[in-house]
Amino acid sequence: SEELGKIEATQTVEPEKKPAASIITNKT
């Protein structure tokens, strides 16, 4: 509602998926 006065048509590109890491270290 605060930004309604500045409306501009935009297109947002979906972020790239991060590559998976190799090891799970958490057991807690």
mmCIF file of all heavy atoms, coordinates in Angstrom:
data_MODEL
# 
_entry.id   MODEL 
# 
loop_
_atom_site.group_PDB 
_atom_site.id 
_atom_site.type_symbol 
_atom_site.label_atom_id 
_atom_site.label_alt_id 
_atom_site.label_comp_id 
_atom_site.label_asym_id 
_atom_site.label_entity_id 
_atom_site.label_seq_id 
_atom_site.pdbx_PDB_ins_code 
_atom_site.Cartn_x 
_atom_site.Cartn_y 
_atom_site.Cartn_z 
_atom_site.occupancy 
_atom_site.B_iso_or_equiv 
_atom_site.pdbx_formal_charge 
_atom_site.auth_seq_id 
_atom_site.auth_comp_id 
_atom_site.auth_asym_id 
_atom_site.auth_atom_id 
_atom_site.pdbx_PDB_model_num 
ATOM 1   N N   . SER A 1 1  ? 0.828  -1.205  0.000   1.00 0.00 ? 1  SER A N   1 
ATOM 2   C CA  . SER A 1 1  ? 0.000  0.000   0.000   1.00 0.00 ? 1  SER A CA  1 
ATOM 3   C C   . SER A 1 1  ? 0.864  1.258   0.000   1.00 0.00 ? 1  SER A C   1 
ATOM 4   O O   . SER A 1 1  ? 0.474  2.281   -0.557  1.00 0.00 ? 1  SER A O   1 
ATOM 5   C CB  . SER A 1 1  ? -0.936 -0.013  1.216   1.00 0.00 ? 1  SER A CB  1 
ATOM 6   O OG  . SER A 1 1  ? -0.195 -0.146  2.414   1.00 0.00 ? 1  SER A OG  1 
ATOM 7   N N   . GLU A 1 2  ? 2.044  1.186   0.610   1.00 0.00 ? 2  GLU A N   1 
ATOM 8   C CA  . GLU A 1 2  ? 2.938  2.340   0.663   1.00 0.00 ? 2  GLU A CA  1 
ATOM 9   C C   . GLU A 1 2  ? 3.560  2.653   -0.695  1.00 0.00 ? 2  GLU A C   1 
ATOM 10  O O   . GLU A 1 2  ? 3.963  3.774   -0.973  1.00 0.00 ? 2  GLU A O   1 
ATOM 11  C CB  . GLU A 1 2  ? 4.046  2.108   1.695   1.00 0.00 ? 2  GLU A CB  1 
ATOM 12  C CG  . GLU A 1 2  ? 3.559  2.084   3.135   1.00 0.00 ? 2  GLU A CG  1 
ATOM 13  C CD  . GLU A 1 2  ? 4.690  1.944   4.126   1.00 0.00 ? 2  GLU A CD  1 
ATOM 14  O OE1 . GLU A 1 2  ? 5.858  1.870   3.681   1.00 0.00 ? 2  GLU A OE1 1 
ATOM 15  O OE2 . GLU A 1 2  ? 4.425  1.906   5.335   1.00 0.00 ? 2  GLU A OE2 1 
ATOM 16  N N   . GLU A 1 3  ? 3.669  1.639   -1.531  1.00 0.00 ? 3  GLU A N   1 
ATOM 17  C CA  . GLU A 1 3  ? 4.331  1.822   -2.819  1.00 0.00 ? 3  GLU A CA  1 
ATOM 18  C C   . GLU A 1 3  ? 3.368  2.089   -3.974  1.00 0.00 ? 3  GLU A C   1 
ATOM 19  O O   . GLU A 1 3  ? 3.791  2.264   -5.115  1.00 0.00 ? 3  GLU A O   1 
ATOM 20  C CB  . GLU A 1 3  ? 5.153  0.569   -3.156  1.00 0.00 ? 3  GLU A CB  1 
ATOM 21  C CG  . GLU A 1 3  ? 6.288  0.300   -2.181  1.00 0.00 ? 3  GLU A CG  1 
ATOM 22  C CD  . GLU A 1 3  ? 6.989  -1.016  -2.471  1.00 0.00 ? 3  GLU A CD  1 
ATOM 23  O OE1 . GLU A 1 3  ? 6.421  -1.828  -3.229  1.00 0.00 ? 3  GLU A OE1 1 
ATOM 24  O OE2 . GLU A 1 3  ? 8.091  -1.226  -1.960  1.00 0.00 ? 3  GLU A OE2 1 
ATOM 25  N N   . LEU A 1 4  ? 2.076  2.127   -3.675  1.00 0.00 ? 4  LEU A N   1 
ATOM 26  C CA  . LEU A 1 4  ? 1.095  2.216   -4.759  1.00 0.00 ? 4  LEU A CA  1 
ATOM 27  C C   . LEU A 1 4  ? 1.243  3.483   -5.607  1.00 0.00 ? 4  LEU A C   1 
ATOM 28  O O   . LEU A 1 4  ? 0.886  3.489   -6.786  1.00 0.00 ? 4  LEU A O   1 
ATOM 29  C CB  . LEU A 1 4  ? -0.324 2.136   -4.195  1.00 0.00 ? 4  LEU A CB  1 
ATOM 30  C CG  . LEU A 1 4  ? -0.770 0.720   -3.808  1.00 0.00 ? 4  LEU A CG  1 
ATOM 31  C CD1 . LEU A 1 4  ? -2.138 0.751   -3.167  1.00 0.00 ? 4  LEU A CD1 1 
ATOM 32  C CD2 . LEU A 1 4  ? -0.774 -0.190  -5.017  1.00 0.00 ? 4  LEU A CD2 1 
ATOM 33  N N   . GLY A 1 5  ? 1.774  4.517   -5.013  1.00 0.00 ? 5  GLY A N   1 
ATOM 34  C CA  . GLY A 1 5  ? 1.954  5.736   -5.780  1.00 0.00 ? 5  GLY A CA  1 
ATOM 35  C C   . GLY A 1 5  ? 3.093  5.669   -6.771  1.00 0.00 ? 5  GLY A C   1 
ATOM 36  O O   . GLY A 1 5  ? 3.252  6.551   -7.612  1.00 0.00 ? 5  GLY A O   1 
ATOM 37  N N   . LYS A 1 6  ? 3.930  4.644   -6.669  1.00 0.00 ? 6  LYS A N   1 
ATOM 38  C CA  . LYS A 1 6  ? 5.096  4.522   -7.545  1.00 0.00 ? 6  LYS A CA  1 
ATOM 39  C C   . LYS A 1 6  ? 5.018  3.264   -8.410  1.00 0.00 ? 6  LYS A C   1 
ATOM 40  O O   . LYS A 1 6  ? 6.031  2.647   -8.733  1.00 0.00 ? 6  LYS A O   1 
ATOM 41  C CB  . LYS A 1 6  ? 6.372  4.451   -6.700  1.00 0.00 ? 6  LYS A CB  1 
ATOM 42  C CG  . LYS A 1 6  ? 6.524  5.601   -5.729  1.00 0.00 ? 6  LYS A CG  1 
ATOM 43  C CD  . LYS A 1 6  ? 7.730  5.367   -4.831  1.00 0.00 ? 6  LYS A CD  1 
ATOM 44  C CE  . LYS A 1 6  ? 7.859  6.455   -3.800  1.00 0.00 ? 6  LYS A CE  1 
ATOM 45  N NZ  . LYS A 1 6  ? 8.991  6.230   -2.884  1.00 0.00 ? 6  LYS A NZ  1 
ATOM 46  N N   . ILE A 1 7  ? 3.802  2.855   -8.748  1.00 0.00 ? 7  ILE A N   1 
ATOM 47  C CA  . ILE A 1 7  ? 3.636  1.595   -9.479  1.00 0.00 ? 7  ILE A CA  1 
ATOM 48  C C   . ILE A 1 7  ? 4.280  1.661   -10.860 1.00 0.00 ? 7  ILE A C   1 
ATOM 49  O O   . ILE A 1 7  ? 4.038  2.562   -11.629 1.00 0.00 ? 7  ILE A O   1 
ATOM 50  C CB  . ILE A 1 7  ? 2.133  1.252   -9.627  1.00 0.00 ? 7  ILE A CB  1 
ATOM 51  C CG1 . ILE A 1 7  ? 1.549  0.908   -8.265  1.00 0.00 ? 7  ILE A CG1 1 
ATOM 52  C CG2 . ILE A 1 7  ? 1.933  0.102   -10.606 1.00 0.00 ? 7  ILE A CG2 1 
ATOM 53  C CD1 . ILE A 1 7  ? 0.078  0.617   -8.299  1.00 0.00 ? 7  ILE A CD1 1 
ATOM 54  N N   . GLU A 1 8  ? 5.121  0.699   -11.141 1.00 0.00 ? 8  GLU A N   1 
ATOM 55  C CA  . GLU A 1 8  ? 5.718  0.536   -12.459 1.00 0.00 ? 8  GLU A CA  1 
ATOM 56  C C   . GLU A 1 8  ? 5.672  -0.948  -12.799 1.00 0.00 ? 8  GLU A C   1 
ATOM 57  O O   . GLU A 1 8  ? 5.949  -1.799  -11.961 1.00 0.00 ? 8  GLU A O   1 
ATOM 58  C CB  . GLU A 1 8  ? 7.180  0.994   -12.471 1.00 0.00 ? 8  GLU A CB  1 
ATOM 59  C CG  . GLU A 1 8  ? 7.353  2.473   -12.269 1.00 0.00 ? 8  GLU A CG  1 
ATOM 60  C CD  . GLU A 1 8  ? 8.819  2.863   -12.239 1.00 0.00 ? 8  GLU A CD  1 
ATOM 61  O OE1 . GLU A 1 8  ? 9.655  1.954   -12.408 1.00 0.00 ? 8  GLU A OE1 1 
ATOM 62  O OE2 . GLU A 1 8  ? 9.098  4.042   -12.051 1.00 0.00 ? 8  GLU A OE2 1 
ATOM 63  N N   . ALA A 1 9  ? 5.323  -1.264  -14.017 1.00 0.00 ? 9  ALA A N   1 
ATOM 64  C CA  . ALA A 1 9  ? 5.279  -2.669  -14.419 1.00 0.00 ? 9  ALA A CA  1 
ATOM 65  C C   . ALA A 1 9  ? 6.690  -3.226  -14.437 1.00 0.00 ? 9  ALA A C   1 
ATOM 66  O O   . ALA A 1 9  ? 7.580  -2.668  -15.048 1.00 0.00 ? 9  ALA A O   1 
ATOM 67  C CB  . ALA A 1 9  ? 4.651  -2.803  -15.802 1.00 0.00 ? 9  ALA A CB  1 
ATOM 68  N N   . THR A 1 10 ? 6.904  -4.308  -13.726 1.00 0.00 ? 10 THR A N   1 
ATOM 69  C CA  . THR A 1 10 ? 8.221  -4.930  -13.662 1.00 0.00 ? 10 THR A CA  1 
ATOM 70  C C   . THR A 1 10 ? 8.105  -6.425  -13.910 1.00 0.00 ? 10 THR A C   1 
ATOM 71  O O   . THR A 1 10 ? 7.028  -7.010  -13.814 1.00 0.00 ? 10 THR A O   1 
ATOM 72  C CB  . THR A 1 10 ? 8.873  -4.708  -12.279 1.00 0.00 ? 10 THR A CB  1 
ATOM 73  O OG1 . THR A 1 10 ? 8.031  -5.292  -11.289 1.00 0.00 ? 10 THR A OG1 1 
ATOM 74  C CG2 . THR A 1 10 ? 9.076  -3.247  -11.990 1.00 0.00 ? 10 THR A CG2 1 
ATOM 75  N N   . GLN A 1 11 ? 9.200  -7.002  -14.220 1.00 0.00 ? 11 GLN A N   1 
ATOM 76  C CA  . GLN A 1 11 ? 9.256  -8.456  -14.416 1.00 0.00 ? 11 GLN A CA  1 
ATOM 77  C C   . GLN A 1 11 ? 10.466 -8.970  -13.678 1.00 0.00 ? 11 GLN A C   1 
ATOM 78  O O   . GLN A 1 11 ? 11.571 -8.529  -13.900 1.00 0.00 ? 11 GLN A O   1 
ATOM 79  C CB  . GLN A 1 11 ? 9.369  -8.815  -15.901 1.00 0.00 ? 11 GLN A CB  1 
ATOM 80  C CG  . GLN A 1 11 ? 9.428  -10.292 -16.150 1.00 0.00 ? 11 GLN A CG  1 
ATOM 81  C CD  . GLN A 1 11 ? 9.390  -10.618 -17.629 1.00 0.00 ? 11 GLN A CD  1 
ATOM 82  O OE1 . GLN A 1 11 ? 8.874  -9.863  -18.428 1.00 0.00 ? 11 GLN A OE1 1 
ATOM 83  N NE2 . GLN A 1 11 ? 9.951  -11.748 -17.985 1.00 0.00 ? 11 GLN A NE2 1 
ATOM 84  N N   . THR A 1 12 ? 10.236 -9.869  -12.764 1.00 0.00 ? 12 THR A N   1 
ATOM 85  C CA  . THR A 1 12 ? 11.307 -10.391 -11.942 1.00 0.00 ? 12 THR A CA  1 
ATOM 86  C C   . THR A 1 12 ? 11.691 -11.773 -12.416 1.00 0.00 ? 12 THR A C   1 
ATOM 87  O O   . THR A 1 12 ? 10.838 -12.636 -12.593 1.00 0.00 ? 12 THR A O   1 
ATOM 88  C CB  . THR A 1 12 ? 10.856 -10.467 -10.462 1.00 0.00 ? 12 THR A CB  1 
ATOM 89  O OG1 . THR A 1 12 ? 10.446 -9.165  -10.070 1.00 0.00 ? 12 THR A OG1 1 
ATOM 90  C CG2 . THR A 1 12 ? 11.977 -10.955 -9.574  1.00 0.00 ? 12 THR A CG2 1 
ATOM 91  N N   . VAL A 1 13 ? 12.961 -11.967 -12.622 1.00 0.00 ? 13 VAL A N   1 
ATOM 92  C CA  . VAL A 1 13 ? 13.453 -13.274 -13.053 1.00 0.00 ? 13 VAL A CA  1 
ATOM 93  C C   . VAL A 1 13 ? 13.627 -14.160 -11.846 1.00 0.00 ? 13 VAL A C   1 
ATOM 94  O O   . VAL A 1 13 ? 14.147 -13.740 -10.815 1.00 0.00 ? 13 VAL A O   1 
ATOM 95  C CB  . VAL A 1 13 ? 14.811 -13.128 -13.791 1.00 0.00 ? 13 VAL A CB  1 
ATOM 96  C CG1 . VAL A 1 13 ? 15.324 -14.489 -14.221 1.00 0.00 ? 13 VAL A CG1 1 
ATOM 97  C CG2 . VAL A 1 13 ? 14.638 -12.214 -14.995 1.00 0.00 ? 13 VAL A CG2 1 
ATOM 98  N N   . GLU A 1 14 ? 13.148 -15.376 -11.937 1.00 0.00 ? 14 GLU A N   1 
ATOM 99  C CA  . GLU A 1 14 ? 13.263 -16.327 -10.835 1.00 0.00 ? 14 GLU A CA  1 
ATOM 100 C C   . GLU A 1 14 ? 14.732 -16.605 -10.553 1.00 0.00 ? 14 GLU A C   1 
ATOM 101 O O   . GLU A 1 14 ? 15.543 -16.775 -11.458 1.00 0.00 ? 14 GLU A O   1 
ATOM 102 C CB  . GLU A 1 14 ? 12.570 -17.633 -11.208 1.00 0.00 ? 14 GLU A CB  1 
ATOM 103 C CG  . GLU A 1 14 ? 11.900 -18.267 -10.036 1.00 0.00 ? 14 GLU A CG  1 
ATOM 104 C CD  . GLU A 1 14 ? 11.073 -19.476 -10.437 1.00 0.00 ? 14 GLU A CD  1 
ATOM 105 O OE1 . GLU A 1 14 ? 10.929 -19.736 -11.625 1.00 0.00 ? 14 GLU A OE1 1 
ATOM 106 O OE2 . GLU A 1 14 ? 10.594 -20.144 -9.523  1.00 0.00 ? 14 GLU A OE2 1 
ATOM 107 N N   . PRO A 1 15 ? 15.144 -16.610 -9.271  1.00 0.00 ? 15 PRO A N   1 
ATOM 108 C CA  . PRO A 1 15 ? 16.543 -16.808 -8.929  1.00 0.00 ? 15 PRO A CA  1 
ATOM 109 C C   . PRO A 1 15 ? 17.041 -18.190 -9.328  1.00 0.00 ? 15 PRO A C   1 
ATOM 110 O O   . PRO A 1 15 ? 16.277 -19.157 -9.348  1.00 0.00 ? 15 PRO A O   1 
ATOM 111 C CB  . PRO A 1 15 ? 16.543 -16.654 -7.399  1.00 0.00 ? 15 PRO A CB  1 
ATOM 112 C CG  . PRO A 1 15 ? 15.149 -16.961 -6.979  1.00 0.00 ? 15 PRO A CG  1 
ATOM 113 C CD  . PRO A 1 15 ? 14.280 -16.490 -8.095  1.00 0.00 ? 15 PRO A CD  1 
ATOM 114 N N   . GLU A 1 16 ? 18.324 -18.245 -9.644  1.00 0.00 ? 16 GLU A N   1 
ATOM 115 C CA  . GLU A 1 16 ? 18.927 -19.529 -9.974  1.00 0.00 ? 16 GLU A CA  1 
ATOM 116 C C   . GLU A 1 16 ? 18.988 -20.406 -8.744  1.00 0.00 ? 16 GLU A C   1 
ATOM 117 O O   . GLU A 1 16 ? 19.195 -19.934 -7.631  1.00 0.00 ? 16 GLU A O   1 
ATOM 118 C CB  . GLU A 1 16 ? 20.356 -19.316 -10.488 1.00 0.00 ? 16 GLU A CB  1 
ATOM 119 C CG  . GLU A 1 16 ? 20.414 -18.572 -11.800 1.00 0.00 ? 16 GLU A CG  1 
ATOM 120 C CD  . GLU A 1 16 ? 21.846 -18.401 -12.259 1.00 0.00 ? 16 GLU A CD  1 
ATOM 121 O OE1 . GLU A 1 16 ? 22.741 -18.975 -11.611 1.00 0.00 ? 16 GLU A OE1 1 
ATOM 122 O OE2 . GLU A 1 16 ? 22.062 -17.705 -13.250 1.00 0.00 ? 16 GLU A OE2 1 
ATOM 123 N N   . LYS A 1 17 ? 18.825 -21.695 -8.955  1.00 0.00 ? 17 LYS A N   1 
ATOM 124 C CA  . LYS A 1 17 ? 18.942 -22.631 -7.853  1.00 0.00 ? 17 LYS A CA  1 
ATOM 125 C C   . LYS A 1 17 ? 20.403 -22.844 -7.523  1.00 0.00 ? 17 LYS A C   1 
ATOM 126 O O   . LYS A 1 17 ? 21.237 -22.988 -8.403  1.00 0.00 ? 17 LYS A O   1 
ATOM 127 C CB  . LYS A 1 17 ? 18.286 -23.968 -8.209  1.00 0.00 ? 17 LYS A CB  1 
ATOM 128 C CG  . LYS A 1 17 ? 16.770 -23.871 -8.314  1.00 0.00 ? 17 LYS A CG  1 
ATOM 129 C CD  . LYS A 1 17 ? 16.166 -25.229 -8.547  1.00 0.00 ? 17 LYS A CD  1 
ATOM 130 C CE  . LYS A 1 17 ? 14.646 -25.124 -8.602  1.00 0.00 ? 17 LYS A CE  1 
ATOM 131 N NZ  . LYS A 1 17 ? 14.027 -26.434 -8.846  1.00 0.00 ? 17 LYS A NZ  1 
ATOM 132 N N   . LYS A 1 18 ? 20.681 -22.851 -6.245  1.00 0.00 ? 18 LYS A N   1 
ATOM 133 C CA  . LYS A 1 18 ? 22.063 -23.024 -5.822  1.00 0.00 ? 18 LYS A CA  1 
ATOM 134 C C   . LYS A 1 18 ? 22.473 -24.485 -5.957  1.00 0.00 ? 18 LYS A C   1 
ATOM 135 O O   . LYS A 1 18 ? 21.678 -25.381 -5.705  1.00 0.00 ? 18 LYS A O   1 
ATOM 136 C CB  . LYS A 1 18 ? 22.222 -22.579 -4.368  1.00 0.00 ? 18 LYS A CB  1 
ATOM 137 C CG  . LYS A 1 18 ? 21.973 -21.098 -4.187  1.00 0.00 ? 18 LYS A CG  1 
ATOM 138 C CD  . LYS A 1 18 ? 22.104 -20.730 -2.730  1.00 0.00 ? 18 LYS A CD  1 
ATOM 139 C CE  . LYS A 1 18 ? 22.001 -19.233 -2.552  1.00 0.00 ? 18 LYS A CE  1 
ATOM 140 N NZ  . LYS A 1 18 ? 20.745 -18.686 -2.978  1.00 0.00 ? 18 LYS A NZ  1 
ATOM 141 N N   . PRO A 1 19 ? 23.713 -24.744 -6.343  1.00 0.00 ? 19 PRO A N   1 
ATOM 142 C CA  . PRO A 1 19 ? 24.171 -26.126 -6.446  1.00 0.00 ? 19 PRO A CA  1 
ATOM 143 C C   . PRO A 1 19 ? 24.215 -26.784 -5.077  1.00 0.00 ? 19 PRO A C   1 
ATOM 144 O O   . PRO A 1 19 ? 24.466 -26.135 -4.068  1.00 0.00 ? 19 PRO A O   1 
ATOM 145 C CB  . PRO A 1 19 ? 25.589 -25.980 -7.021  1.00 0.00 ? 19 PRO A CB  1 
ATOM 146 C CG  . PRO A 1 19 ? 26.009 -24.602 -6.646  1.00 0.00 ? 19 PRO A CG  1 
ATOM 147 C CD  . PRO A 1 19 ? 24.767 -23.777 -6.676  1.00 0.00 ? 19 PRO A CD  1 
ATOM 148 N N   . ALA A 1 20 ? 23.945 -28.063 -5.054  1.00 0.00 ? 20 ALA A N   1 
ATOM 149 C CA  . ALA A 1 20 ? 23.943 -28.805 -3.787  1.00 0.00 ? 20 ALA A CA  1 
ATOM 150 C C   . ALA A 1 20 ? 25.354 -28.963 -3.256  1.00 0.00 ? 20 ALA A C   1 
ATOM 151 O O   . ALA A 1 20 ? 26.310 -29.118 -3.991  1.00 0.00 ? 20 ALA A O   1 
ATOM 152 C CB  . ALA A 1 20 ? 23.324 -30.186 -3.995  1.00 0.00 ? 20 ALA A CB  1 
ATOM 153 N N   . ALA A 1 21 ? 25.467 -28.874 -1.935  1.00 0.00 ? 21 ALA A N   1 
ATOM 154 C CA  . ALA A 1 21 ? 26.760 -29.127 -1.306  1.00 0.00 ? 21 ALA A CA  1 
ATOM 155 C C   . ALA A 1 21 ? 26.979 -30.625 -1.216  1.00 0.00 ? 21 ALA A C   1 
ATOM 156 O O   . ALA A 1 21 ? 26.125 -31.418 -1.570  1.00 0.00 ? 21 ALA A O   1 
ATOM 157 C CB  . ALA A 1 21 ? 26.795 -28.480 0.072   1.00 0.00 ? 21 ALA A CB  1 
ATOM 158 N N   . SER A 1 22 ? 28.128 -31.033 -0.720  1.00 0.00 ? 22 SER A N   1 
ATOM 159 C CA  . SER A 1 22 ? 28.499 -32.440 -0.822  1.00 0.00 ? 22 SER A CA  1 
ATOM 160 C C   . SER A 1 22 ? 28.299 -33.246 0.450   1.00 0.00 ? 22 SER A C   1 
ATOM 161 O O   . SER A 1 22 ? 28.199 -34.454 0.403   1.00 0.00 ? 22 SER A O   1 
ATOM 162 C CB  . SER A 1 22 ? 29.969 -32.544 -1.239  1.00 0.00 ? 22 SER A CB  1 
ATOM 163 O OG  . SER A 1 22 ? 30.783 -31.852 -0.317  1.00 0.00 ? 22 SER A OG  1 
ATOM 164 N N   . ILE A 1 23 ? 28.214 -32.576 1.614   1.00 0.00 ? 23 ILE A N   1 
ATOM 165 C CA  . ILE A 1 23 ? 28.180 -33.321 2.870   1.00 0.00 ? 23 ILE A CA  1 
ATOM 166 C C   . ILE A 1 23 ? 27.144 -32.718 3.819   1.00 0.00 ? 23 ILE A C   1 
ATOM 167 O O   . ILE A 1 23 ? 26.971 -31.510 3.867   1.00 0.00 ? 23 ILE A O   1 
ATOM 168 C CB  . ILE A 1 23 ? 29.559 -33.286 3.581   1.00 0.00 ? 23 ILE A CB  1 
ATOM 169 C CG1 . ILE A 1 23 ? 30.656 -33.760 2.642   1.00 0.00 ? 23 ILE A CG1 1 
ATOM 170 C CG2 . ILE A 1 23 ? 29.556 -34.128 4.838   1.00 0.00 ? 23 ILE A CG2 1 
ATOM 171 C CD1 . ILE A 1 23 ? 32.047 -33.528 3.182   1.00 0.00 ? 23 ILE A CD1 1 
ATOM 172 N N   . ILE A 1 24 ? 26.472 -33.570 4.556   1.00 0.00 ? 24 ILE A N   1 
ATOM 173 C CA  . ILE A 1 24 ? 25.610 -33.103 5.631   1.00 0.00 ? 24 ILE A CA  1 
ATOM 174 C C   . ILE A 1 24 ? 26.388 -33.248 6.931   1.00 0.00 ? 24 ILE A C   1 
ATOM 175 O O   . ILE A 1 24 ? 26.823 -34.335 7.280   1.00 0.00 ? 24 ILE A O   1 
ATOM 176 C CB  . ILE A 1 24 ? 24.314 -33.932 5.720   1.00 0.00 ? 24 ILE A CB  1 
ATOM 177 C CG1 . ILE A 1 24 ? 23.536 -33.837 4.418   1.00 0.00 ? 24 ILE A CG1 1 
ATOM 178 C CG2 . ILE A 1 24 ? 23.453 -33.469 6.874   1.00 0.00 ? 24 ILE A CG2 1 
ATOM 179 C CD1 . ILE A 1 24 ? 22.307 -34.694 4.381   1.00 0.00 ? 24 ILE A CD1 1 
ATOM 180 N N   . THR A 1 25 ? 26.549 -32.138 7.650   1.00 0.00 ? 25 THR A N   1 
ATOM 181 C CA  . THR A 1 25 ? 27.340 -32.210 8.877   1.00 0.00 ? 25 THR A CA  1 
ATOM 182 C C   . THR A 1 25 ? 26.468 -32.203 10.127  1.00 0.00 ? 25 THR A C   1 
ATOM 183 O O   . THR A 1 25 ? 26.957 -32.476 11.209  1.00 0.00 ? 25 THR A O   1 
ATOM 184 C CB  . THR A 1 25 ? 28.300 -31.009 8.963   1.00 0.00 ? 25 THR A CB  1 
ATOM 185 O OG1 . THR A 1 25 ? 27.531 -29.806 8.941   1.00 0.00 ? 25 THR A OG1 1 
ATOM 186 C CG2 . THR A 1 25 ? 29.266 -31.010 7.803   1.00 0.00 ? 25 THR A CG2 1 
ATOM 187 N N   . ASN A 1 26 ? 25.185 -31.880 9.989   1.00 0.00 ? 26 ASN A N   1 
ATOM 188 C CA  . ASN A 1 26 ? 24.358 -31.688 11.165  1.00 0.00 ? 26 ASN A CA  1 
ATOM 189 C C   . ASN A 1 26 ? 23.658 -32.961 11.632  1.00 0.00 ? 26 ASN A C   1 
ATOM 190 O O   . ASN A 1 26 ? 23.040 -33.651 10.851  1.00 0.00 ? 26 ASN A O   1 
ATOM 191 C CB  . ASN A 1 26 ? 23.299 -30.627 10.883  1.00 0.00 ? 26 ASN A CB  1 
ATOM 192 C CG  . ASN A 1 26 ? 22.483 -30.354 12.125  1.00 0.00 ? 26 ASN A CG  1 
ATOM 193 O OD1 . ASN A 1 26 ? 22.970 -29.740 13.055  1.00 0.00 ? 26 ASN A OD1 1 
ATOM 194 N ND2 . ASN A 1 26 ? 21.264 -30.828 12.135  1.00 0.00 ? 26 ASN A ND2 1 
ATOM 195 N N   . LYS A 1 27 ? 23.787 -33.250 12.926  1.00 0.00 ? 27 LYS A N   1 
ATOM 196 C CA  . LYS A 1 27 ? 23.088 -34.393 13.512  1.00 0.00 ? 27 LYS A CA  1 
ATOM 197 C C   . LYS A 1 27 ? 22.368 -33.974 14.786  1.00 0.00 ? 27 LYS A C   1 
ATOM 198 O O   . LYS A 1 27 ? 21.970 -34.820 15.579  1.00 0.00 ? 27 LYS A O   1 
ATOM 199 C CB  . LYS A 1 27 ? 24.082 -35.514 13.823  1.00 0.00 ? 27 LYS A CB  1 
ATOM 200 C CG  . LYS A 1 27 ? 24.720 -36.135 12.580  1.00 0.00 ? 27 LYS A CG  1 
ATOM 201 C CD  . LYS A 1 27 ? 25.657 -37.266 12.957  1.00 0.00 ? 27 LYS A CD  1 
ATOM 202 C CE  . LYS A 1 27 ? 26.298 -37.881 11.719  1.00 0.00 ? 27 LYS A CE  1 
ATOM 203 N NZ  . LYS A 1 27 ? 27.257 -38.955 12.059  1.00 0.00 ? 27 LYS A NZ  1 
ATOM 204 N N   . THR A 1 28 ? 22.219 -32.678 14.999  1.00 0.00 ? 28 THR A N   1 
ATOM 205 C CA  . THR A 1 28 ? 21.660 -32.183 16.252  1.00 0.00 ? 28 THR A CA  1 
ATOM 206 C C   . THR A 1 28 ? 20.292 -31.541 16.089  1.00 0.00 ? 28 THR A C   1 
ATOM 207 O O   . THR A 1 28 ? 19.815 -30.883 17.005  1.00 0.00 ? 28 THR A O   1 
ATOM 208 C CB  . THR A 1 28 ? 22.624 -31.153 16.877  1.00 0.00 ? 28 THR A CB  1 
ATOM 209 O OG1 . THR A 1 28 ? 22.851 -30.100 15.928  1.00 0.00 ? 28 THR A OG1 1 
ATOM 210 C CG2 . THR A 1 28 ? 23.937 -31.791 17.265  1.00 0.00 ? 28 THR A CG2 1 
# 
